[in-house]
Amino acid sequence: MAGAGAVELVVLHAKPPTSLAVNMGGPGVPGDVVGLVEEDLRKKAEGVVGKARSLCAANSVEAVVDVVDGEPKHVLCDAVEKHRADLLVVGSQGYGAIRRWHCLGA
């Protein structure tokens, strides 16, 4: 943890459970779609934290960078409590896993 007066930067990507993303597609989603969605969520998470690590390193910023599986609202609330955050900044691409998958023509 950061010392007195120091600032700790925590970059967290909340990777939603595959079941949450797949259930948005309605009942009876084929098993191969579940696998594609899981792979999409994993790749997105890797990309997000990879970019965050690169940006921090390029700017000599120390940060805790992590991916946490779970519903974003719960993951973020837990992280705020765990890190005793004074500020929470939330970003979103605006697409869920199913929509991204569909838009890619898969």
PDB file of N, CA and C in Angstrom:
ATOM      1  N   MET A   1       0.841  -1.196   0.000  1.00  0.00           N
ATOM      2  CA  MET A   1       0.000   0.000   0.000  1.00  0.00           C
ATOM      3  C   MET A   1       0.875   1.245   0.000  1.00  0.00           C
ATOM      4  N   ALA A   2       0.314   2.308  -0.487  1.00  0.00           N
ATOM      5  CA  ALA A   2       1.035   3.566  -0.549  1.00  0.00           C
ATOM      6  C   ALA A   2       1.240   4.124   0.851  1.00  0.00           C
ATOM      7  N   GLY A   3       2.352   4.824   1.032  1.00  0.00           N
ATOM      8  CA  GLY A   3       2.641   5.436   2.321  1.00  0.00           C
ATOM      9  C   GLY A   3       1.814   6.694   2.517  1.00  0.00           C
ATOM     10  N   ALA A   4       1.978   7.330   3.686  1.00  0.00           N
ATOM     11  CA  ALA A   4       1.228   8.546   3.999  1.00  0.00           C
ATOM     12  C   ALA A   4       1.540   9.615   2.966  1.00  0.00           C
ATOM     13  N   GLY A   5       0.516  10.198   2.388  1.00  0.00           N
ATOM     14  CA  GLY A   5       0.683  11.258   1.411  1.00  0.00           C
ATOM     15  C   GLY A   5       0.962  10.755   0.001  1.00  0.00           C
ATOM     16  N   ALA A   6       1.285   9.486  -0.150  1.00  0.00           N
ATOM     17  CA  ALA A   6       1.560   8.932  -1.469  1.00  0.00           C
ATOM     18  C   ALA A   6       0.244   8.554  -2.163  1.00  0.00           C
ATOM     19  N   VAL A   7       0.325   8.426  -3.456  1.00  0.00           N
ATOM     20  CA  VAL A   7      -0.845   8.073  -4.251  1.00  0.00           C
ATOM     21  C   VAL A   7      -0.614   6.695  -4.857  1.00  0.00           C
ATOM     22  N   GLU A   8      -1.608   5.845  -4.756  1.00  0.00           N
ATOM     23  CA  GLU A   8      -1.542   4.520  -5.357  1.00  0.00           C
ATOM     24  C   GLU A   8      -2.517   4.483  -6.527  1.00  0.00           C
ATOM     25  N   LEU A   9      -2.007   4.094  -7.690  1.00  0.00           N
ATOM     26  CA  LEU A   9      -2.851   3.945  -8.867  1.00  0.00           C
ATOM     27  C   LEU A   9      -3.171   2.473  -9.048  1.00  0.00           C
ATOM     28  N   VAL A  10      -4.449   2.175  -9.134  1.00  0.00           N
ATOM     29  CA  VAL A  10      -4.903   0.808  -9.372  1.00  0.00           C
ATOM     30  C   VAL A  10      -5.689   0.824 -10.677  1.00  0.00           C
ATOM     31  N   VAL A  11      -5.228   0.025 -11.636  1.00  0.00           N
ATOM     32  CA  VAL A  11      -5.916  -0.112 -12.912  1.00  0.00           C
ATOM     33  C   VAL A  11      -6.521  -1.506 -12.910  1.00  0.00           C
ATOM     34  N   LEU A  12      -7.821  -1.566 -12.990  1.00  0.00           N
ATOM     35  CA  LEU A  12      -8.525  -2.832 -12.848  1.00  0.00           C
ATOM     36  C   LEU A  12      -9.467  -3.037 -14.023  1.00  0.00           C
ATOM     37  N   HIS A  13      -9.396  -4.211 -14.606  1.00  0.00           N
ATOM     38  CA  HIS A  13     -10.357  -4.578 -15.645  1.00  0.00           C
ATOM     39  C   HIS A  13     -11.266  -5.649 -15.068  1.00  0.00           C
ATOM     40  N   ALA A  14     -12.558  -5.377 -15.032  1.00  0.00           N
ATOM     41  CA  ALA A  14     -13.536  -6.348 -14.548  1.00  0.00           C
ATOM     42  C   ALA A  14     -13.993  -7.177 -15.742  1.00  0.00           C
ATOM     43  N   LYS A  15     -13.600  -8.450 -15.755  1.00  0.00           N
ATOM     44  CA  LYS A  15     -13.986  -9.349 -16.845  1.00  0.00           C
ATOM     45  C   LYS A  15     -15.277 -10.037 -16.449  1.00  0.00           C
ATOM     46  N   PRO A  16     -16.381  -9.695 -17.142  1.00  0.00           N
ATOM     47  CA  PRO A  16     -17.662 -10.294 -16.758  1.00  0.00           C
ATOM     48  C   PRO A  16     -17.655 -11.799 -16.974  1.00  0.00           C
ATOM     49  N   PRO A  17     -18.401 -12.514 -16.165  1.00  0.00           N
ATOM     50  CA  PRO A  17     -18.492 -13.962 -16.358  1.00  0.00           C
ATOM     51  C   PRO A  17     -19.091 -14.268 -17.731  1.00  0.00           C
ATOM     52  N   THR A  18     -18.604 -15.309 -18.353  1.00  0.00           N
ATOM     53  CA  THR A  18     -19.115 -15.704 -19.663  1.00  0.00           C
ATOM     54  C   THR A  18     -20.620 -15.910 -19.612  1.00  0.00           C
ATOM     55  N   SER A  19     -21.101 -16.482 -18.525  1.00  0.00           N
ATOM     56  CA  SER A  19     -22.540 -16.748 -18.409  1.00  0.00           C
ATOM     57  C   SER A  19     -23.355 -15.461 -18.490  1.00  0.00           C
ATOM     58  N   LEU A  20     -22.836 -14.374 -17.935  1.00  0.00           N
ATOM     59  CA  LEU A  20     -23.544 -13.095 -17.988  1.00  0.00           C
ATOM     60  C   LEU A  20     -23.628 -12.610 -19.429  1.00  0.00           C
ATOM     61  N   ALA A  21     -22.528 -12.687 -20.149  1.00  0.00           N
ATOM     62  CA  ALA A  21     -22.515 -12.233 -21.539  1.00  0.00           C
ATOM     63  C   ALA A  21     -23.373 -13.126 -22.425  1.00  0.00           C
ATOM     64  N   VAL A  22     -23.284 -14.427 -22.234  1.00  0.00           N
ATOM     65  CA  VAL A  22     -24.026 -15.369 -23.076  1.00  0.00           C
ATOM     66  C   VAL A  22     -25.519 -15.279 -22.809  1.00  0.00           C
ATOM     67  N   ASN A  23     -25.931 -15.096 -21.559  1.00  0.00           N
ATOM     68  CA  ASN A  23     -27.355 -15.002 -21.237  1.00  0.00           C
ATOM     69  C   ASN A  23     -28.015 -13.815 -21.913  1.00  0.00           C
ATOM     70  N   MET A  24     -27.226 -12.798 -22.266  1.00  0.00           N
ATOM     71  CA  MET A  24     -27.780 -11.654 -22.988  1.00  0.00           C
ATOM     72  C   MET A  24     -28.202 -12.055 -24.394  1.00  0.00           C
ATOM     73  N   GLY A  25     -27.649 -13.180 -24.885  1.00  0.00           N
ATOM     74  CA  GLY A  25     -27.995 -13.666 -26.214  1.00  0.00           C
ATOM     75  C   GLY A  25     -29.283 -14.457 -26.243  1.00  0.00           C
ATOM     76  N   GLY A  26     -29.873 -14.686 -25.101  1.00  0.00           N
ATOM     77  CA  GLY A  26     -31.128 -15.416 -25.030  1.00  0.00           C
ATOM     78  C   GLY A  26     -30.905 -16.877 -24.709  1.00  0.00           C
ATOM     79  N   PRO A  27     -31.996 -17.608 -24.529  1.00  0.00           N
ATOM     80  CA  PRO A  27     -31.890 -19.023 -24.171  1.00  0.00           C
ATOM     81  C   PRO A  27     -31.389 -19.866 -25.349  1.00  0.00           C
ATOM     82  N   GLY A  28     -30.776 -20.981 -25.028  1.00  0.00           N
ATOM     83  CA  GLY A  28     -30.361 -21.924 -26.058  1.00  0.00           C
ATOM     84  C   GLY A  28     -29.156 -21.498 -26.870  1.00  0.00           C
ATOM     85  N   VAL A  29     -28.244 -20.740 -26.289  1.00  0.00           N
ATOM     86  CA  VAL A  29     -27.047 -20.319 -27.008  1.00  0.00           C
ATOM     87  C   VAL A  29     -26.145 -21.537 -27.202  1.00  0.00           C
ATOM     88  N   PRO A  30     -25.717 -21.808 -28.452  1.00  0.00           N
ATOM     89  CA  PRO A  30     -24.887 -22.991 -28.720  1.00  0.00           C
ATOM     90  C   PRO A  30     -23.559 -22.955 -27.965  1.00  0.00           C
ATOM     91  N   GLY A  31     -23.050 -24.160 -27.633  1.00  0.00           N
ATOM     92  CA  GLY A  31     -21.804 -24.281 -26.874  1.00  0.00           C
ATOM     93  C   GLY A  31     -20.611 -23.636 -27.550  1.00  0.00           C
ATOM     94  N   ASP A  32     -20.549 -23.696 -28.891  1.00  0.00           N
ATOM     95  CA  ASP A  32     -19.403 -23.087 -29.571  1.00  0.00           C
ATOM     96  C   ASP A  32     -19.402 -21.572 -29.406  1.00  0.00           C
ATOM     97  N   VAL A  33     -20.578 -20.981 -29.267  1.00  0.00           N
ATOM     98  CA  VAL A  33     -20.673 -19.537 -29.031  1.00  0.00           C
ATOM     99  C   VAL A  33     -20.112 -19.204 -27.658  1.00  0.00           C
ATOM    100  N   VAL A  34     -20.397 -20.042 -26.672  1.00  0.00           N
ATOM    101  CA  VAL A  34     -19.879 -19.824 -25.316  1.00  0.00           C
ATOM    102  C   VAL A  34     -18.356 -19.768 -25.355  1.00  0.00           C
ATOM    103  N   GLY A  35     -17.729 -20.701 -26.056  1.00  0.00           N
ATOM    104  CA  GLY A  35     -16.276 -20.717 -26.175  1.00  0.00           C
ATOM    105  C   GLY A  35     -15.737 -19.474 -26.858  1.00  0.00           C
ATOM    106  N   LEU A  36     -16.417 -19.038 -27.916  1.00  0.00           N
ATOM    107  CA  LEU A  36     -15.994 -17.823 -28.623  1.00  0.00           C
ATOM    108  C   LEU A  36     -16.119 -16.589 -27.736  1.00  0.00           C
ATOM    109  N   VAL A  37     -17.197 -16.527 -26.974  1.00  0.00           N
ATOM    110  CA  VAL A  37     -17.396 -15.392 -26.074  1.00  0.00           C
ATOM    111  C   VAL A  37     -16.316 -15.380 -24.995  1.00  0.00           C
ATOM    112  N   GLU A  38     -16.024 -16.547 -24.407  1.00  0.00           N
ATOM    113  CA  GLU A  38     -14.983 -16.632 -23.377  1.00  0.00           C
ATOM    114  C   GLU A  38     -13.639 -16.175 -23.936  1.00  0.00           C
ATOM    115  N   GLU A  39     -13.310 -16.627 -25.127  1.00  0.00           N
ATOM    116  CA  GLU A  39     -12.044 -16.226 -25.768  1.00  0.00           C
ATOM    117  C   GLU A  39     -12.019 -14.723 -26.032  1.00  0.00           C
ATOM    118  N   ASP A  40     -13.146 -14.175 -26.477  1.00  0.00           N
ATOM    119  CA  ASP A  40     -13.242 -12.731 -26.721  1.00  0.00           C
ATOM    120  C   ASP A  40     -13.042 -11.939 -25.427  1.00  0.00           C
ATOM    121  N   LEU A  41     -13.689 -12.380 -24.367  1.00  0.00           N
ATOM    122  CA  LEU A  41     -13.545 -11.692 -23.080  1.00  0.00           C
ATOM    123  C   LEU A  41     -12.108 -11.754 -22.566  1.00  0.00           C
ATOM    124  N   ARG A  42     -11.464 -12.913 -22.728  1.00  0.00           N
ATOM    125  CA  ARG A  42     -10.081 -13.078 -22.282  1.00  0.00           C
ATOM    126  C   ARG A  42      -9.137 -12.182 -23.086  1.00  0.00           C
ATOM    127  N   LYS A  43      -9.309 -12.161 -24.414  1.00  0.00           N
ATOM    128  CA  LYS A  43      -8.456 -11.324 -25.265  1.00  0.00           C
ATOM    129  C   LYS A  43      -8.632  -9.847 -24.955  1.00  0.00           C
ATOM    130  N   LYS A  44      -9.874  -9.437 -24.746  1.00  0.00           N
ATOM    131  CA  LYS A  44     -10.131  -8.038 -24.419  1.00  0.00           C
ATOM    132  C   LYS A  44      -9.456  -7.673 -23.101  1.00  0.00           C
ATOM    133  N   ALA A  45      -9.586  -8.547 -22.104  1.00  0.00           N
ATOM    134  CA  ALA A  45      -8.961  -8.285 -20.805  1.00  0.00           C
ATOM    135  C   ALA A  45      -7.443  -8.170 -20.951  1.00  0.00           C
ATOM    136  N   GLU A  46      -6.827  -9.094 -21.702  1.00  0.00           N
ATOM    137  CA  GLU A  46      -5.380  -9.039 -21.916  1.00  0.00           C
ATOM    138  C   GLU A  46      -4.976  -7.742 -22.610  1.00  0.00           C
ATOM    139  N   GLY A  47      -5.765  -7.330 -23.599  1.00  0.00           N
ATOM    140  CA  GLY A  47      -5.467  -6.093 -24.312  1.00  0.00           C
ATOM    141  C   GLY A  47      -5.565  -4.865 -23.426  1.00  0.00           C
ATOM    142  N   VAL A  48      -6.594  -4.822 -22.606  1.00  0.00           N
ATOM    143  CA  VAL A  48      -6.801  -3.673 -21.720  1.00  0.00           C
ATOM    144  C   VAL A  48      -5.658  -3.546 -20.716  1.00  0.00           C
ATOM    145  N   VAL A  49      -5.328  -4.642 -20.039  1.00  0.00           N
ATOM    146  CA  VAL A  49      -4.270  -4.547 -19.027  1.00  0.00           C
ATOM    147  C   VAL A  49      -2.895  -4.399 -19.681  1.00  0.00           C
ATOM    148  N   GLY A  50      -2.720  -4.981 -20.861  1.00  0.00           N
ATOM    149  CA  GLY A  50      -1.457  -4.801 -21.578  1.00  0.00           C
ATOM    150  C   GLY A  50      -1.220  -3.346 -21.939  1.00  0.00           C
ATOM    151  N   LYS A  51      -2.251  -2.696 -22.447  1.00  0.00           N
ATOM    152  CA  LYS A  51      -2.151  -1.278 -22.792  1.00  0.00           C
ATOM    153  C   LYS A  51      -1.909  -0.429 -21.547  1.00  0.00           C
ATOM    154  N   ALA A  52      -2.597  -0.757 -20.462  1.00  0.00           N
ATOM    155  CA  ALA A  52      -2.411  -0.005 -19.211  1.00  0.00           C
ATOM    156  C   ALA A  52      -0.983  -0.141 -18.709  1.00  0.00           C
ATOM    157  N   ARG A  53      -0.454  -1.375 -18.726  1.00  0.00           N
ATOM    158  CA  ARG A  53       0.930  -1.577 -18.288  1.00  0.00           C
ATOM    159  C   ARG A  53       1.912  -0.791 -19.163  1.00  0.00           C
ATOM    160  N   SER A  54       1.692  -0.810 -20.473  1.00  0.00           N
ATOM    161  CA  SER A  54       2.574  -0.090 -21.401  1.00  0.00           C
ATOM    162  C   SER A  54       2.535   1.413 -21.148  1.00  0.00           C
ATOM    163  N   LEU A  55       1.333   1.945 -20.980  1.00  0.00           N
ATOM    164  CA  LEU A  55       1.205   3.384 -20.720  1.00  0.00           C
ATOM    165  C   LEU A  55       1.878   3.778 -19.405  1.00  0.00           C
ATOM    166  N   CYS A  56       1.683   2.965 -18.387  1.00  0.00           N
ATOM    167  CA  CYS A  56       2.305   3.260 -17.097  1.00  0.00           C
ATOM    168  C   CYS A  56       3.826   3.206 -17.206  1.00  0.00           C
ATOM    169  N   ALA A  57       4.342   2.172 -17.850  1.00  0.00           N
ATOM    170  CA  ALA A  57       5.797   2.029 -18.000  1.00  0.00           C
ATOM    171  C   ALA A  57       6.372   3.184 -18.814  1.00  0.00           C
ATOM    172  N   ALA A  58       5.716   3.566 -19.900  1.00  0.00           N
ATOM    173  CA  ALA A  58       6.193   4.648 -20.753  1.00  0.00           C
ATOM    174  C   ALA A  58       6.237   5.983 -20.024  1.00  0.00           C
ATOM    175  N   ASN A  59       5.398   6.115 -19.002  1.00  0.00           N
ATOM    176  CA  ASN A  59       5.339   7.373 -18.247  1.00  0.00           C
ATOM    177  C   ASN A  59       5.926   7.249 -16.851  1.00  0.00           C
ATOM    178  N   SER A  60       6.659   6.173 -16.609  1.00  0.00           N
ATOM    179  CA  SER A  60       7.303   5.923 -15.310  1.00  0.00           C
ATOM    180  C   SER A  60       6.324   6.011 -14.149  1.00  0.00           C
ATOM    181  N   VAL A  61       5.157   5.439 -14.354  1.00  0.00           N
ATOM    182  CA  VAL A  61       4.118   5.430 -13.326  1.00  0.00           C
ATOM    183  C   VAL A  61       3.998   4.014 -12.775  1.00  0.00           C
ATOM    184  N   GLU A  62       4.137   3.890 -11.467  1.00  0.00           N
ATOM    185  CA  GLU A  62       3.933   2.585 -10.840  1.00  0.00           C
ATOM    186  C   GLU A  62       2.441   2.408 -10.590  1.00  0.00           C
ATOM    187  N   ALA A  63       1.954   1.228 -10.934  1.00  0.00           N
ATOM    188  CA  ALA A  63       0.531   0.965 -10.755  1.00  0.00           C
ATOM    189  C   ALA A  63       0.304  -0.513 -10.496  1.00  0.00           C
ATOM    190  N   VAL A  64      -0.760  -0.794  -9.805  1.00  0.00           N
ATOM    191  CA  VAL A  64      -1.259  -2.158  -9.659  1.00  0.00           C
ATOM    192  C   VAL A  64      -2.206  -2.355 -10.832  1.00  0.00           C
ATOM    193  N   VAL A  65      -1.915  -3.316 -11.696  1.00  0.00           N
ATOM    194  CA  VAL A  65      -2.740  -3.568 -12.878  1.00  0.00           C
ATOM    195  C   VAL A  65      -3.210  -5.013 -12.800  1.00  0.00           C
ATOM    196  N   ASP A  66      -4.528  -5.212 -12.912  1.00  0.00           N
ATOM    197  CA  ASP A  66      -5.047  -6.554 -12.711  1.00  0.00           C
ATOM    198  C   ASP A  66      -6.363  -6.758 -13.467  1.00  0.00           C
ATOM    199  N   VAL A  67      -6.686  -8.033 -13.696  1.00  0.00           N
ATOM    200  CA  VAL A  67      -7.975  -8.444 -14.236  1.00  0.00           C
ATOM    201  C   VAL A  67      -8.666  -9.244 -13.139  1.00  0.00           C
ATOM    202  N   VAL A  68      -9.910  -8.914 -12.875  1.00  0.00           N
ATOM    203  CA  VAL A  68     -10.687  -9.645 -11.875  1.00  0.00           C
ATOM    204  C   VAL A  68     -11.953 -10.156 -12.547  1.00  0.00           C
ATOM    205  N   ASP A  69     -12.186 -11.454 -12.429  1.00  0.00           N
ATOM    206  CA  ASP A  69     -13.402 -12.056 -12.981  1.00  0.00           C
ATOM    207  C   ASP A  69     -14.585 -11.749 -12.080  1.00  0.00           C
ATOM    208  N   GLY A  70     -15.692 -11.343 -12.674  1.00  0.00           N
ATOM    209  CA  GLY A  70     -16.907 -11.103 -11.909  1.00  0.00           C
ATOM    210  C   GLY A  70     -17.726  -9.993 -12.534  1.00  0.00           C
ATOM    211  N   GLU A  71     -18.921  -9.830 -12.004  1.00  0.00           N
ATOM    212  CA  GLU A  71     -19.782  -8.751 -12.479  1.00  0.00           C
ATOM    213  C   GLU A  71     -19.108  -7.427 -12.180  1.00  0.00           C
ATOM    214  N   PRO A  72     -18.958  -6.576 -13.197  1.00  0.00           N
ATOM    215  CA  PRO A  72     -18.237  -5.318 -13.005  1.00  0.00           C
ATOM    216  C   PRO A  72     -18.697  -4.494 -11.807  1.00  0.00           C
ATOM    217  N   LYS A  73     -20.006  -4.415 -11.576  1.00  0.00           N
ATOM    218  CA  LYS A  73     -20.474  -3.591 -10.454  1.00  0.00           C
ATOM    219  C   LYS A  73     -19.953  -4.116  -9.120  1.00  0.00           C
ATOM    220  N   HIS A  74     -19.859  -5.430  -8.974  1.00  0.00           N
ATOM    221  CA  HIS A  74     -19.356  -6.005  -7.728  1.00  0.00           C
ATOM    222  C   HIS A  74     -17.834  -5.898  -7.648  1.00  0.00           C
ATOM    223  N   VAL A  75     -17.163  -6.171  -8.756  1.00  0.00           N
ATOM    224  CA  VAL A  75     -15.701  -6.099  -8.798  1.00  0.00           C
ATOM    225  C   VAL A  75     -15.233  -4.688  -8.449  1.00  0.00           C
ATOM    226  N   LEU A  76     -15.870  -3.691  -9.039  1.00  0.00           N
ATOM    227  CA  LEU A  76     -15.450  -2.310  -8.802  1.00  0.00           C
ATOM    228  C   LEU A  76     -15.739  -1.861  -7.371  1.00  0.00           C
ATOM    229  N   CYS A  77     -16.893  -2.209  -6.857  1.00  0.00           N
ATOM    230  CA  CYS A  77     -17.212  -1.841  -5.464  1.00  0.00           C
ATOM    231  C   CYS A  77     -16.246  -2.509  -4.490  1.00  0.00           C
ATOM    232  N   ASP A  78     -15.931  -3.781  -4.732  1.00  0.00           N
ATOM    233  CA  ASP A  78     -14.976  -4.485  -3.872  1.00  0.00           C
ATOM    234  C   ASP A  78     -13.596  -3.845  -3.948  1.00  0.00           C
ATOM    235  N   ALA A  79     -13.177  -3.444  -5.157  1.00  0.00           N
ATOM    236  CA  ALA A  79     -11.861  -2.824  -5.326  1.00  0.00           C
ATOM    237  C   ALA A  79     -11.786  -1.474  -4.617  1.00  0.00           C
ATOM    238  N   VAL A  80     -12.870  -0.710  -4.676  1.00  0.00           N
ATOM    239  CA  VAL A  80     -12.899   0.583  -3.975  1.00  0.00           C
ATOM    240  C   VAL A  80     -12.686   0.372  -2.485  1.00  0.00           C
ATOM    241  N   GLU A  81     -13.369  -0.605  -1.927  1.00  0.00           N
ATOM    242  CA  GLU A  81     -13.215  -0.896  -0.500  1.00  0.00           C
ATOM    243  C   GLU A  81     -11.821  -1.428  -0.187  1.00  0.00           C
ATOM    244  N   LYS A  82     -11.359  -2.384  -0.970  1.00  0.00           N
ATOM    245  CA  LYS A  82     -10.059  -3.013  -0.732  1.00  0.00           C
ATOM    246  C   LYS A  82      -8.919  -1.993  -0.764  1.00  0.00           C
ATOM    247  N   HIS A  83      -8.954  -1.088  -1.745  1.00  0.00           N
ATOM    248  CA  HIS A  83      -7.863  -0.123  -1.914  1.00  0.00           C
ATOM    249  C   HIS A  83      -8.155   1.213  -1.245  1.00  0.00           C
ATOM    250  N   ARG A  84      -9.313   1.294  -0.591  1.00  0.00           N
ATOM    251  CA  ARG A  84      -9.717   2.520   0.095  1.00  0.00           C
ATOM    252  C   ARG A  84      -9.594   3.721  -0.837  1.00  0.00           C
ATOM    253  N   ALA A  85     -10.188   3.567  -2.017  1.00  0.00           N
ATOM    254  CA  ALA A  85     -10.062   4.561  -3.081  1.00  0.00           C
ATOM    255  C   ALA A  85     -10.786   5.862  -2.748  1.00  0.00           C
ATOM    256  N   ASP A  86     -10.140   6.958  -3.099  1.00  0.00           N
ATOM    257  CA  ASP A  86     -10.755   8.277  -2.986  1.00  0.00           C
ATOM    258  C   ASP A  86     -11.427   8.686  -4.289  1.00  0.00           C
ATOM    259  N   LEU A  87     -11.035   8.022  -5.378  1.00  0.00           N
ATOM    260  CA  LEU A  87     -11.559   8.367  -6.691  1.00  0.00           C
ATOM    261  C   LEU A  87     -11.695   7.097  -7.520  1.00  0.00           C
ATOM    262  N   LEU A  88     -12.805   6.963  -8.216  1.00  0.00           N
ATOM    263  CA  LEU A  88     -13.043   5.835  -9.107  1.00  0.00           C
ATOM    264  C   LEU A  88     -13.354   6.391 -10.485  1.00  0.00           C
ATOM    265  N   VAL A  89     -12.565   5.992 -11.470  1.00  0.00           N
ATOM    266  CA  VAL A  89     -12.792   6.403 -12.853  1.00  0.00           C
ATOM    267  C   VAL A  89     -13.198   5.152 -13.618  1.00  0.00           C
ATOM    268  N   VAL A  90     -14.323   5.207 -14.301  1.00  0.00           N
ATOM    269  CA  VAL A  90     -14.852   4.043 -15.000  1.00  0.00           C
ATOM    270  C   VAL A  90     -14.935   4.358 -16.484  1.00  0.00           C
ATOM    271  N   GLY A  91     -14.452   3.430 -17.278  1.00  0.00           N
ATOM    272  CA  GLY A  91     -14.532   3.587 -18.725  1.00  0.00           C
ATOM    273  C   GLY A  91     -15.228   2.390 -19.320  1.00  0.00           C
ATOM    274  N   SER A  92     -15.724   2.557 -20.546  1.00  0.00           N
ATOM    275  CA  SER A  92     -16.400   1.461 -21.222  1.00  0.00           C
ATOM    276  C   SER A  92     -16.264   1.650 -22.723  1.00  0.00           C
ATOM    277  N   GLN A  93     -16.104   0.541 -23.415  1.00  0.00           N
ATOM    278  CA  GLN A  93     -16.048   0.576 -24.875  1.00  0.00           C
ATOM    279  C   GLN A  93     -17.447   0.762 -25.433  1.00  0.00           C
ATOM    280  N   GLY A  94     -18.438   0.361 -24.684  1.00  0.00           N
ATOM    281  CA  GLY A  94     -19.808   0.521 -25.136  1.00  0.00           C
ATOM    282  C   GLY A  94     -20.403  -0.697 -25.815  1.00  0.00           C
ATOM    283  N   TYR A  95     -19.626  -1.782 -25.925  1.00  0.00           N
ATOM    284  CA  TYR A  95     -20.133  -3.008 -26.536  1.00  0.00           C
ATOM    285  C   TYR A  95     -20.000  -4.151 -25.554  1.00  0.00           C
ATOM    286  N   GLY A  96     -21.026  -4.972 -25.481  1.00  0.00           N
ATOM    287  CA  GLY A  96     -20.926  -6.206 -24.721  1.00  0.00           C
ATOM    288  C   GLY A  96     -20.256  -7.265 -25.581  1.00  0.00           C
ATOM    289  N   ALA A  97     -19.882  -8.376 -24.978  1.00  0.00           N
ATOM    290  CA  ALA A  97     -19.175  -9.433 -25.687  1.00  0.00           C
ATOM    291  C   ALA A  97     -19.988  -9.975 -26.864  1.00  0.00           C
ATOM    292  N   ILE A  98     -21.288 -10.170 -26.687  1.00  0.00           N
ATOM    293  CA  ILE A  98     -22.121 -10.707 -27.759  1.00  0.00           C
ATOM    294  C   ILE A  98     -22.187  -9.711 -28.924  1.00  0.00           C
ATOM    295  N   ARG A  99     -22.378  -8.459 -28.630  1.00  0.00           N
ATOM    296  CA  ARG A  99     -22.469  -7.458 -29.701  1.00  0.00           C
ATOM    297  C   ARG A  99     -21.143  -7.348 -30.431  1.00  0.00           C
ATOM    298  N   ARG A 100     -20.021  -7.328 -29.701  1.00  0.00           N
ATOM    299  CA  ARG A 100     -18.707  -7.280 -30.361  1.00  0.00           C
ATOM    300  C   ARG A 100     -18.546  -8.487 -31.263  1.00  0.00           C
ATOM    301  N   TRP A 101     -18.919  -9.669 -30.747  1.00  0.00           N
ATOM    302  CA  TRP A 101     -18.793 -10.891 -31.517  1.00  0.00           C
ATOM    303  C   TRP A 101     -19.634 -10.797 -32.779  1.00  0.00           C
ATOM    304  N   HIS A 102     -20.871 -10.328 -32.639  1.00  0.00           N
ATOM    305  CA  HIS A 102     -21.782 -10.211 -33.772  1.00  0.00           C
ATOM    306  C   HIS A 102     -21.259  -9.186 -34.780  1.00  0.00           C
ATOM    307  N   CYS A 103     -20.753  -8.046 -34.302  1.00  0.00           N
ATOM    308  CA  CYS A 103     -20.260  -6.994 -35.192  1.00  0.00           C
ATOM    309  C   CYS A 103     -19.029  -7.438 -35.964  1.00  0.00           C
ATOM    310  N   LEU A 104     -18.267  -8.358 -35.421  1.00  0.00           N
ATOM    311  CA  LEU A 104     -17.085  -8.856 -36.099  1.00  0.00           C
ATOM    312  C   LEU A 104     -17.441  -9.861 -37.187  1.00  0.00           C
ATOM    313  N   GLY A 105     -18.711 -10.198 -37.280  1.00  0.00           N
ATOM    314  CA  GLY A 105     -19.175 -11.102 -38.324  1.00  0.00           C
ATOM    315  C   GLY A 105     -18.901 -12.568 -38.036  1.00  0.00           C
ATOM    316  N   ALA A 106     -18.643 -12.875 -36.768  1.00  0.00           N
ATOM    317  CA  ALA A 106     -18.360 -14.272 -36.399  1.00  0.00           C
ATOM    318  C   ALA A 106     -19.589 -15.122 -36.512  1.00  0.00           C
TER     319      ALA A 106
END
